[in-house]
Amino acid sequence: MTRANYYNAIAPIYDQTRWMTDSVAEDVADFILALVNATPNTSFLEPGVGTGLNILPLVKRGYPVTGIDISPEMLDQFRQKLQQIPKNLTLMQSDASTLSLPDASIDVVLTVHMIHTVANWQLFLDEIDRVLKPQGFYLNAQWTTPPARKKFESHFKTILSNYPETRTPKRVDNLIEEIDDYFHHKGYQANYQIAKQWTVANTVAELLSYYKSRAYGFCWWAPDDTFRRAMAEFESFCADHYDSLATELSSTAKFEIWVYNAS
């Protein structure tokens, strides 16, 4: 399955199967605005904008926002959150590897755990550097998977790995060291910030339902029949391991930002 088709497939369930909430997004927006010393005219760009989870609060507050995504279905989900598209929002369906924007035209570029999905990440970073204004900010962010959900995920991946038909990508991390090295050599100042920490709680049954809907990339590592067999095995494992499917798994998520400033 291609990246575009994957995101098209999960677009209707994307928000409900993640752990970012509207209230957390508002707090993160407050943090970002203070971080970049925003004025009413500060412009924002989010490649891989998806359903707008991260940047919708800035749109609603009137900041100039451009969102780019390869998936038309994800962009449709974003549009459905608004009665009409406001003048301060521009949405573009495009591969993020090439940003169809003028040089030095954006104050803040935000990416949230998406660079590993870009075919040529070096070219993509060149594009970010190109579109940023001389005093601009690049915010490379991620909302970390809460440890309880991460452990749950690892159990499923272990089961998947026992099926020879399963293929795993070579790399799914956020290329933190490579990105840091790139911007260091470009002369950017860098620092790390935690914008928000919050508690995420789900029952085992809820998480199983998310997996059955194939809401995450690793759920597509196996062919359909293999996935169904692995899920049946995993559900049996969960019933034994967690005693009950009603067991609640609770832990802390973080919204992390690696901040690069061109000044």
C-alpha atoms as a PDB file:
ATOM      1  CA  MET A   1       0.000   0.000   0.000  1.00  0.00           C
ATOM      2  CA  THR A   2       1.362   3.419  -0.926  1.00  0.00           C
ATOM      3  CA  ARG A   3       1.672   6.161   1.660  1.00  0.00           C
ATOM      4  CA  ALA A   4      -1.130   8.167   0.028  1.00  0.00           C
ATOM      5  CA  ASN A   5      -3.478   5.173  -0.053  1.00  0.00           C
ATOM      6  CA  TYR A   6      -2.686   4.326   3.566  1.00  0.00           C
ATOM      7  CA  TYR A   7      -3.615   7.789   4.770  1.00  0.00           C
ATOM      8  CA  ASN A   8      -6.684   7.856   2.523  1.00  0.00           C
ATOM      9  CA  ALA A   9      -7.804   4.578   4.107  1.00  0.00           C
ATOM     10  CA  ILE A  10      -7.401   5.704   7.712  1.00  0.00           C
ATOM     11  CA  ALA A  11      -8.516   9.337   7.316  1.00  0.00           C
ATOM     12  CA  PRO A  12     -12.027   8.857   8.827  1.00  0.00           C
ATOM     13  CA  ILE A  13     -10.594   7.173  11.951  1.00  0.00           C
ATOM     14  CA  TYR A  14      -7.314   9.063  12.239  1.00  0.00           C
ATOM     15  CA  ASP A  15      -8.238  11.470  15.036  1.00  0.00           C
ATOM     16  CA  GLN A  16     -10.051   8.958  17.241  1.00  0.00           C
ATOM     17  CA  THR A  17      -7.194   6.440  17.073  1.00  0.00           C
ATOM     18  CA  ARG A  18      -4.451   8.896  18.010  1.00  0.00           C
ATOM     19  CA  TRP A  19      -3.809  10.388  21.425  1.00  0.00           C
ATOM     20  CA  MET A  20      -3.699  14.081  20.552  1.00  0.00           C
ATOM     21  CA  THR A  21      -6.788  15.925  21.799  1.00  0.00           C
ATOM     22  CA  ASP A  22      -8.253  19.324  21.006  1.00  0.00           C
ATOM     23  CA  SER A  23      -7.366  20.685  24.453  1.00  0.00           C
ATOM     24  CA  VAL A  24      -3.774  19.454  24.160  1.00  0.00           C
ATOM     25  CA  ALA A  25      -3.519  21.026  20.708  1.00  0.00           C
ATOM     26  CA  GLU A  26      -4.661  24.365  22.147  1.00  0.00           C
ATOM     27  CA  ASP A  27      -1.974  24.206  24.854  1.00  0.00           C
ATOM     28  CA  VAL A  28       0.675  23.289  22.282  1.00  0.00           C
ATOM     29  CA  ALA A  29      -0.435  26.220  20.120  1.00  0.00           C
ATOM     30  CA  ASP A  30       0.028  28.562  23.091  1.00  0.00           C
ATOM     31  CA  PHE A  31       3.517  27.158  23.615  1.00  0.00           C
ATOM     32  CA  ILE A  32       4.485  27.521  19.950  1.00  0.00           C
ATOM     33  CA  LEU A  33       3.210  31.087  19.695  1.00  0.00           C
ATOM     34  CA  ALA A  34       5.297  32.093  22.707  1.00  0.00           C
ATOM     35  CA  LEU A  35       8.296  30.135  21.430  1.00  0.00           C
ATOM     36  CA  VAL A  36       8.441  31.954  18.081  1.00  0.00           C
ATOM     37  CA  ASN A  37       7.391  35.359  19.460  1.00  0.00           C
ATOM     38  CA  ALA A  38       4.427  35.345  17.095  1.00  0.00           C
ATOM     39  CA  THR A  39       2.710  38.480  15.876  1.00  0.00           C
ATOM     40  CA  PRO A  40      -0.739  38.472  14.217  1.00  0.00           C
ATOM     41  CA  ASN A  41       1.012  38.236  10.835  1.00  0.00           C
ATOM     42  CA  THR A  42       3.322  35.319  11.648  1.00  0.00           C
ATOM     43  CA  SER A  43       2.864  32.719   8.908  1.00  0.00           C
ATOM     44  CA  PHE A  44       2.864  28.962   9.502  1.00  0.00           C
ATOM     45  CA  LEU A  45       3.399  26.015   7.181  1.00  0.00           C
ATOM     46  CA  GLU A  46       2.734  22.383   8.078  1.00  0.00           C
ATOM     47  CA  PRO A  47       3.735  19.812   5.456  1.00  0.00           C
ATOM     48  CA  GLY A  48       1.945  16.558   6.209  1.00  0.00           C
ATOM     49  CA  VAL A  49      -0.881  18.531   7.786  1.00  0.00           C
ATOM     50  CA  GLY A  50      -3.302  15.609   7.663  1.00  0.00           C
ATOM     51  CA  THR A  51      -6.571  16.279   9.454  1.00  0.00           C
ATOM     52  CA  GLY A  52      -5.227  19.515  10.929  1.00  0.00           C
ATOM     53  CA  LEU A  53      -4.909  18.208  14.474  1.00  0.00           C
ATOM     54  CA  ASN A  54      -1.720  20.129  15.214  1.00  0.00           C
ATOM     55  CA  ILE A  55      -2.403  23.419  13.514  1.00  0.00           C
ATOM     56  CA  LEU A  56      -6.170  23.936  13.627  1.00  0.00           C
ATOM     57  CA  PRO A  57      -5.943  26.131  16.768  1.00  0.00           C
ATOM     58  CA  LEU A  58      -3.704  28.555  14.864  1.00  0.00           C
ATOM     59  CA  VAL A  59      -6.173  28.660  11.982  1.00  0.00           C
ATOM     60  CA  LYS A  60      -9.032  29.462  14.352  1.00  0.00           C
ATOM     61  CA  ARG A  61      -6.983  32.249  15.933  1.00  0.00           C
ATOM     62  CA  GLY A  62      -6.486  33.905  12.555  1.00  0.00           C
ATOM     63  CA  TYR A  63      -2.823  33.226  11.818  1.00  0.00           C
ATOM     64  CA  PRO A  64      -1.857  32.717   8.152  1.00  0.00           C
ATOM     65  CA  VAL A  65      -1.561  28.944   7.772  1.00  0.00           C
ATOM     66  CA  THR A  66      -0.630  26.746   4.816  1.00  0.00           C
ATOM     67  CA  GLY A  67      -1.191  23.017   5.056  1.00  0.00           C
ATOM     68  CA  ILE A  68       0.155  20.474   2.576  1.00  0.00           C
ATOM     69  CA  ASP A  69      -0.711  16.789   2.425  1.00  0.00           C
ATOM     70  CA  ILE A  70      -0.488  14.026  -0.160  1.00  0.00           C
ATOM     71  CA  SER A  71      -3.819  12.514   0.924  1.00  0.00           C
ATOM     72  CA  PRO A  72      -7.027  14.150  -0.357  1.00  0.00           C
ATOM     73  CA  GLU A  73      -9.063  12.203   2.209  1.00  0.00           C
ATOM     74  CA  MET A  74      -7.012  13.577   5.106  1.00  0.00           C
ATOM     75  CA  LEU A  75      -7.454  17.106   3.771  1.00  0.00           C
ATOM     76  CA  ASP A  76     -11.209  16.508   3.463  1.00  0.00           C
ATOM     77  CA  GLN A  77     -11.291  15.555   7.147  1.00  0.00           C
ATOM     78  CA  PHE A  78      -9.551  18.852   7.916  1.00  0.00           C
ATOM     79  CA  ARG A  79     -12.085  20.823   5.857  1.00  0.00           C
ATOM     80  CA  GLN A  80     -14.994  19.148   7.643  1.00  0.00           C
ATOM     81  CA  LYS A  81     -13.818  20.685  10.920  1.00  0.00           C
ATOM     82  CA  LEU A  82     -14.532  24.155   9.506  1.00  0.00           C
ATOM     83  CA  GLN A  83     -17.856  25.604   8.415  1.00  0.00           C
ATOM     84  CA  GLN A  84     -15.994  27.193   5.533  1.00  0.00           C
ATOM     85  CA  ILE A  85     -12.348  27.592   4.606  1.00  0.00           C
ATOM     86  CA  PRO A  86     -11.204  30.903   6.126  1.00  0.00           C
ATOM     87  CA  LYS A  87      -9.104  33.339   4.151  1.00  0.00           C
ATOM     88  CA  ASN A  88      -6.100  32.737   6.408  1.00  0.00           C
ATOM     89  CA  LEU A  89      -5.951  29.012   5.511  1.00  0.00           C
ATOM     90  CA  THR A  90      -4.474  27.541   2.331  1.00  0.00           C
ATOM     91  CA  LEU A  91      -4.683  23.779   1.812  1.00  0.00           C
ATOM     92  CA  MET A  92      -2.664  22.071  -0.915  1.00  0.00           C
ATOM     93  CA  GLN A  93      -2.688  18.439  -2.021  1.00  0.00           C
ATOM     94  CA  SER A  94       0.923  17.696  -2.892  1.00  0.00           C
ATOM     95  CA  ASP A  95       3.933  15.575  -2.039  1.00  0.00           C
ATOM     96  CA  ALA A  96       5.770  17.429   0.707  1.00  0.00           C
ATOM     97  CA  SER A  97       9.149  16.758  -0.923  1.00  0.00           C
ATOM     98  CA  THR A  98       8.632  19.815  -3.111  1.00  0.00           C
ATOM     99  CA  LEU A  99       7.131  22.897  -1.494  1.00  0.00           C
ATOM    100  CA  SER A 100       5.364  25.033  -4.092  1.00  0.00           C
ATOM    101  CA  LEU A 101       6.046  28.247  -2.214  1.00  0.00           C
ATOM    102  CA  PRO A 102       8.298  31.256  -2.856  1.00  0.00           C
ATOM    103  CA  ASP A 103      11.736  31.568  -1.307  1.00  0.00           C
ATOM    104  CA  ALA A 104      11.847  33.143   2.170  1.00  0.00           C
ATOM    105  CA  SER A 105       8.058  33.297   2.437  1.00  0.00           C
ATOM    106  CA  ILE A 106       7.261  31.463   5.709  1.00  0.00           C
ATOM    107  CA  ASP A 107       7.992  32.430   9.318  1.00  0.00           C
ATOM    108  CA  VAL A 108       7.475  29.013  10.932  1.00  0.00           C
ATOM    109  CA  VAL A 109       7.582  25.535   9.399  1.00  0.00           C
ATOM    110  CA  LEU A 110       6.151  22.769  11.580  1.00  0.00           C
ATOM    111  CA  THR A 111       6.499  19.060  10.896  1.00  0.00           C
ATOM    112  CA  VAL A 112       5.082  16.447  13.251  1.00  0.00           C
ATOM    113  CA  HIS A 113       6.582  12.949  13.009  1.00  0.00           C
ATOM    114  CA  MET A 114       6.401  12.867   9.232  1.00  0.00           C
ATOM    115  CA  ILE A 115       9.896  13.215   7.769  1.00  0.00           C
ATOM    116  CA  HIS A 116      10.409   9.443   7.786  1.00  0.00           C
ATOM    117  CA  THR A 117       7.521   9.255   5.275  1.00  0.00           C
ATOM    118  CA  VAL A 118       9.246  11.567   2.758  1.00  0.00           C
ATOM    119  CA  ALA A 119      11.054   9.758  -0.049  1.00  0.00           C
ATOM    120  CA  ASN A 120      13.991  12.189  -0.143  1.00  0.00           C
ATOM    121  CA  TRP A 121      14.328  13.800   3.267  1.00  0.00           C
ATOM    122  CA  GLN A 122      17.510  15.724   2.368  1.00  0.00           C
ATOM    123  CA  LEU A 123      15.677  17.418  -0.500  1.00  0.00           C
ATOM    124  CA  PHE A 124      12.776  18.120   1.829  1.00  0.00           C
ATOM    125  CA  LEU A 125      15.067  19.838   4.354  1.00  0.00           C
ATOM    126  CA  ASP A 126      16.536  21.887   1.514  1.00  0.00           C
ATOM    127  CA  GLU A 127      12.998  23.007   0.711  1.00  0.00           C
ATOM    128  CA  ILE A 128      12.316  23.949   4.336  1.00  0.00           C
ATOM    129  CA  ASP A 129      15.519  25.991   4.431  1.00  0.00           C
ATOM    130  CA  ARG A 130      14.546  27.648   1.146  1.00  0.00           C
ATOM    131  CA  VAL A 131      11.031  28.765   2.159  1.00  0.00           C
ATOM    132  CA  LEU A 132      11.954  29.977   5.639  1.00  0.00           C
ATOM    133  CA  LYS A 133      12.431  33.696   6.165  1.00  0.00           C
ATOM    134  CA  PRO A 134      15.884  34.825   7.399  1.00  0.00           C
ATOM    135  CA  GLN A 135      14.700  34.933  11.018  1.00  0.00           C
ATOM    136  CA  GLY A 136      12.404  31.938  10.669  1.00  0.00           C
ATOM    137  CA  PHE A 137      11.869  28.857  12.795  1.00  0.00           C
ATOM    138  CA  TYR A 138      11.754  25.205  11.848  1.00  0.00           C
ATOM    139  CA  LEU A 139       9.953  23.104  14.472  1.00  0.00           C
ATOM    140  CA  ASN A 140      10.534  19.370  14.077  1.00  0.00           C
ATOM    141  CA  ALA A 141       8.023  17.819  16.453  1.00  0.00           C
ATOM    142  CA  GLN A 142       6.503  14.542  17.508  1.00  0.00           C
ATOM    143  CA  TRP A 143       3.943  13.389  19.988  1.00  0.00           C
ATOM    144  CA  THR A 144       5.605  10.408  21.583  1.00  0.00           C
ATOM    145  CA  THR A 145       3.692   7.169  21.893  1.00  0.00           C
ATOM    146  CA  PRO A 146       2.653   6.754  25.563  1.00  0.00           C
ATOM    147  CA  PRO A 147       4.770   3.953  27.082  1.00  0.00           C
ATOM    148  CA  ALA A 148       1.789   1.713  27.870  1.00  0.00           C
ATOM    149  CA  ARG A 149       0.630   1.897  24.260  1.00  0.00           C
ATOM    150  CA  LYS A 150       4.211   1.422  23.059  1.00  0.00           C
ATOM    151  CA  LYS A 151       4.496  -1.784  25.080  1.00  0.00           C
ATOM    152  CA  PHE A 152       1.151  -2.964  23.734  1.00  0.00           C
ATOM    153  CA  GLU A 153       2.399  -2.264  20.223  1.00  0.00           C
ATOM    154  CA  SER A 154       5.609  -4.199  20.836  1.00  0.00           C
ATOM    155  CA  HIS A 155       3.620  -7.313  21.812  1.00  0.00           C
ATOM    156  CA  PHE A 156       1.748  -7.162  18.513  1.00  0.00           C
ATOM    157  CA  LYS A 157       4.897  -6.567  16.475  1.00  0.00           C
ATOM    158  CA  THR A 158       6.482  -9.610  18.114  1.00  0.00           C
ATOM    159  CA  ILE A 159       3.548 -11.745  16.972  1.00  0.00           C
ATOM    160  CA  LEU A 160       3.699 -10.237  13.479  1.00  0.00           C
ATOM    161  CA  SER A 161       7.415 -11.008  13.228  1.00  0.00           C
ATOM    162  CA  ASN A 162       6.653 -14.726  13.511  1.00  0.00           C
ATOM    163  CA  TYR A 163       4.845 -14.637  10.189  1.00  0.00           C
ATOM    164  CA  PRO A 164       7.319 -14.875   7.280  1.00  0.00           C
ATOM    165  CA  GLU A 165       4.989 -12.910   4.997  1.00  0.00           C
ATOM    166  CA  THR A 166       5.416  -9.814   7.165  1.00  0.00           C
ATOM    167  CA  ARG A 167       7.660  -7.061   5.848  1.00  0.00           C
ATOM    168  CA  THR A 168       8.921  -4.292   8.082  1.00  0.00           C
ATOM    169  CA  PRO A 169      10.273  -0.946   6.866  1.00  0.00           C
ATOM    170  CA  LYS A 170      13.973  -0.389   7.312  1.00  0.00           C
ATOM    171  CA  ARG A 171      13.412   2.781   9.303  1.00  0.00           C
ATOM    172  CA  VAL A 172      10.427   4.467  10.918  1.00  0.00           C
ATOM    173  CA  ASP A 173      12.053   6.920  13.354  1.00  0.00           C
ATOM    174  CA  ASN A 174      12.037  10.682  13.038  1.00  0.00           C
ATOM    175  CA  LEU A 175      15.670  11.066  11.807  1.00  0.00           C
ATOM    176  CA  ILE A 176      16.442  13.318  14.756  1.00  0.00           C
ATOM    177  CA  GLU A 177      20.250  13.114  14.531  1.00  0.00           C
ATOM    178  CA  GLU A 178      20.350  13.584  10.763  1.00  0.00           C
ATOM    179  CA  ILE A 179      18.046  16.602  10.897  1.00  0.00           C
ATOM    180  CA  ASP A 180      20.007  18.132  13.756  1.00  0.00           C
ATOM    181  CA  ASP A 181      23.258  17.679  11.831  1.00  0.00           C
ATOM    182  CA  TYR A 182      21.742  19.190   8.670  1.00  0.00           C
ATOM    183  CA  PHE A 183      20.585  22.402  10.349  1.00  0.00           C
ATOM    184  CA  HIS A 184      23.741  22.679  12.448  1.00  0.00           C
ATOM    185  CA  HIS A 185      25.798  22.812   9.257  1.00  0.00           C
ATOM    186  CA  LYS A 186      23.393  25.413   7.858  1.00  0.00           C
ATOM    187  CA  GLY A 187      24.183  27.662  10.829  1.00  0.00           C
ATOM    188  CA  TYR A 188      20.872  27.340  12.667  1.00  0.00           C
ATOM    189  CA  GLN A 189      20.661  27.569  16.442  1.00  0.00           C
ATOM    190  CA  ALA A 190      19.033  24.485  17.976  1.00  0.00           C
ATOM    191  CA  ASN A 191      17.318  23.557  21.210  1.00  0.00           C
ATOM    192  CA  TYR A 192      14.931  20.922  22.495  1.00  0.00           C
ATOM    193  CA  GLN A 193      11.607  21.690  24.171  1.00  0.00           C
ATOM    194  CA  ILE A 194       8.750  19.697  25.678  1.00  0.00           C
ATOM    195  CA  ALA A 195       5.640  21.652  24.758  1.00  0.00           C
ATOM    196  CA  LYS A 196       3.159  19.486  26.660  1.00  0.00           C
ATOM    197  CA  GLN A 197       2.828  16.333  28.737  1.00  0.00           C
ATOM    198  CA  TRP A 198      -0.523  14.654  29.257  1.00  0.00           C
ATOM    199  CA  THR A 199      -2.038  11.363  30.395  1.00  0.00           C
ATOM    200  CA  VAL A 200      -3.430   8.940  27.834  1.00  0.00           C
ATOM    201  CA  ALA A 201      -5.717   6.089  28.904  1.00  0.00           C
ATOM    202  CA  ASN A 202      -7.288   3.349  26.790  1.00  0.00           C
ATOM    203  CA  THR A 203      -8.744  -0.056  27.508  1.00  0.00           C
ATOM    204  CA  VAL A 204      -7.193  -3.089  25.899  1.00  0.00           C
ATOM    205  CA  ALA A 205     -10.440  -3.573  23.976  1.00  0.00           C
ATOM    206  CA  GLU A 206     -10.225  -0.044  22.549  1.00  0.00           C
ATOM    207  CA  LEU A 207      -6.668  -0.554  21.373  1.00  0.00           C
ATOM    208  CA  LEU A 208      -7.564  -3.898  19.813  1.00  0.00           C
ATOM    209  CA  SER A 209     -10.386  -2.210  17.906  1.00  0.00           C
ATOM    210  CA  TYR A 210      -7.924   0.387  16.583  1.00  0.00           C
ATOM    211  CA  TYR A 211      -5.607  -2.367  15.384  1.00  0.00           C
ATOM    212  CA  LYS A 212      -8.473  -4.270  13.750  1.00  0.00           C
ATOM    213  CA  SER A 213      -9.302  -1.127  11.796  1.00  0.00           C
ATOM    214  CA  ARG A 214      -5.619  -1.025  10.736  1.00  0.00           C
ATOM    215  CA  ALA A 215      -5.221   2.529  11.979  1.00  0.00           C
ATOM    216  CA  TYR A 216      -1.414   2.416  12.156  1.00  0.00           C
ATOM    217  CA  GLY A 217       1.287   1.859   9.571  1.00  0.00           C
ATOM    218  CA  PHE A 218       2.603  -1.346  11.156  1.00  0.00           C
ATOM    219  CA  CYS A 219      -0.854  -2.896  10.726  1.00  0.00           C
ATOM    220  CA  TRP A 220      -0.165  -2.895   6.985  1.00  0.00           C
ATOM    221  CA  TRP A 221       3.147  -4.741   7.185  1.00  0.00           C
ATOM    222  CA  ALA A 222       1.340  -8.048   6.605  1.00  0.00           C
ATOM    223  CA  PRO A 223      -1.022  -9.212   3.836  1.00  0.00           C
ATOM    224  CA  ASP A 224      -4.720  -9.237   4.705  1.00  0.00           C
ATOM    225  CA  ASP A 225      -5.012 -12.919   5.586  1.00  0.00           C
ATOM    226  CA  THR A 226      -1.813 -12.863   7.638  1.00  0.00           C
ATOM    227  CA  PHE A 227      -2.987  -9.766   9.459  1.00  0.00           C
ATOM    228  CA  ARG A 228      -6.285 -11.421  10.400  1.00  0.00           C
ATOM    229  CA  ARG A 229      -4.479 -14.467  11.773  1.00  0.00           C
ATOM    230  CA  ALA A 230      -2.019 -12.314  13.690  1.00  0.00           C
ATOM    231  CA  MET A 231      -4.870 -10.274  15.159  1.00  0.00           C
ATOM    232  CA  ALA A 232      -6.683 -13.402  16.331  1.00  0.00           C
ATOM    233  CA  GLU A 233      -3.486 -14.578  18.009  1.00  0.00           C
ATOM    234  CA  PHE A 234      -2.903 -11.143  19.532  1.00  0.00           C
ATOM    235  CA  GLU A 235      -6.437 -10.884  20.928  1.00  0.00           C
ATOM    236  CA  SER A 236      -5.975 -14.262  22.625  1.00  0.00           C
ATOM    237  CA  PHE A 237      -2.624 -13.086  23.981  1.00  0.00           C
ATOM    238  CA  CYS A 238      -4.194  -9.898  25.374  1.00  0.00           C
ATOM    239  CA  ALA A 239      -6.988 -11.777  27.126  1.00  0.00           C
ATOM    240  CA  ASP A 240      -4.364 -13.816  28.986  1.00  0.00           C
ATOM    241  CA  HIS A 241      -1.688 -11.168  29.470  1.00  0.00           C
ATOM    242  CA  TYR A 242      -3.946  -8.339  30.662  1.00  0.00           C
ATOM    243  CA  ASP A 243      -6.469 -10.571  32.499  1.00  0.00           C
ATOM    244  CA  SER A 244      -9.357  -8.632  30.953  1.00  0.00           C
ATOM    245  CA  LEU A 245      -9.966  -6.685  27.761  1.00  0.00           C
ATOM    246  CA  ALA A 246     -11.482  -4.024  30.022  1.00  0.00           C
ATOM    247  CA  THR A 247      -8.074  -3.399  31.630  1.00  0.00           C
ATOM    248  CA  GLU A 248      -7.074   0.240  31.272  1.00  0.00           C
ATOM    249  CA  LEU A 249      -3.600   1.138  30.063  1.00  0.00           C
ATOM    250  CA  SER A 250      -2.536   4.592  31.217  1.00  0.00           C
ATOM    251  CA  SER A 251       0.719   6.507  30.735  1.00  0.00           C
ATOM    252  CA  THR A 252       2.160   9.882  29.765  1.00  0.00           C
ATOM    253  CA  ALA A 253       2.550  11.273  26.264  1.00  0.00           C
ATOM    254  CA  LYS A 254       4.808  14.181  25.318  1.00  0.00           C
ATOM    255  CA  PHE A 255       4.728  16.746  22.551  1.00  0.00           C
ATOM    256  CA  GLU A 256       8.431  17.229  21.824  1.00  0.00           C
ATOM    257  CA  ILE A 257       9.893  19.952  19.617  1.00  0.00           C
ATOM    258  CA  TRP A 258      13.382  20.259  18.204  1.00  0.00           C
ATOM    259  CA  VAL A 259      13.631  23.993  17.513  1.00  0.00           C
ATOM    260  CA  TYR A 260      15.851  25.404  14.766  1.00  0.00           C
ATOM    261  CA  ASN A 261      16.160  29.165  14.443  1.00  0.00           C
ATOM    262  CA  ALA A 262      17.729  30.806  11.425  1.00  0.00           C
ATOM    263  CA  SER A 263      18.766  33.946  13.283  1.00  0.00           C
END
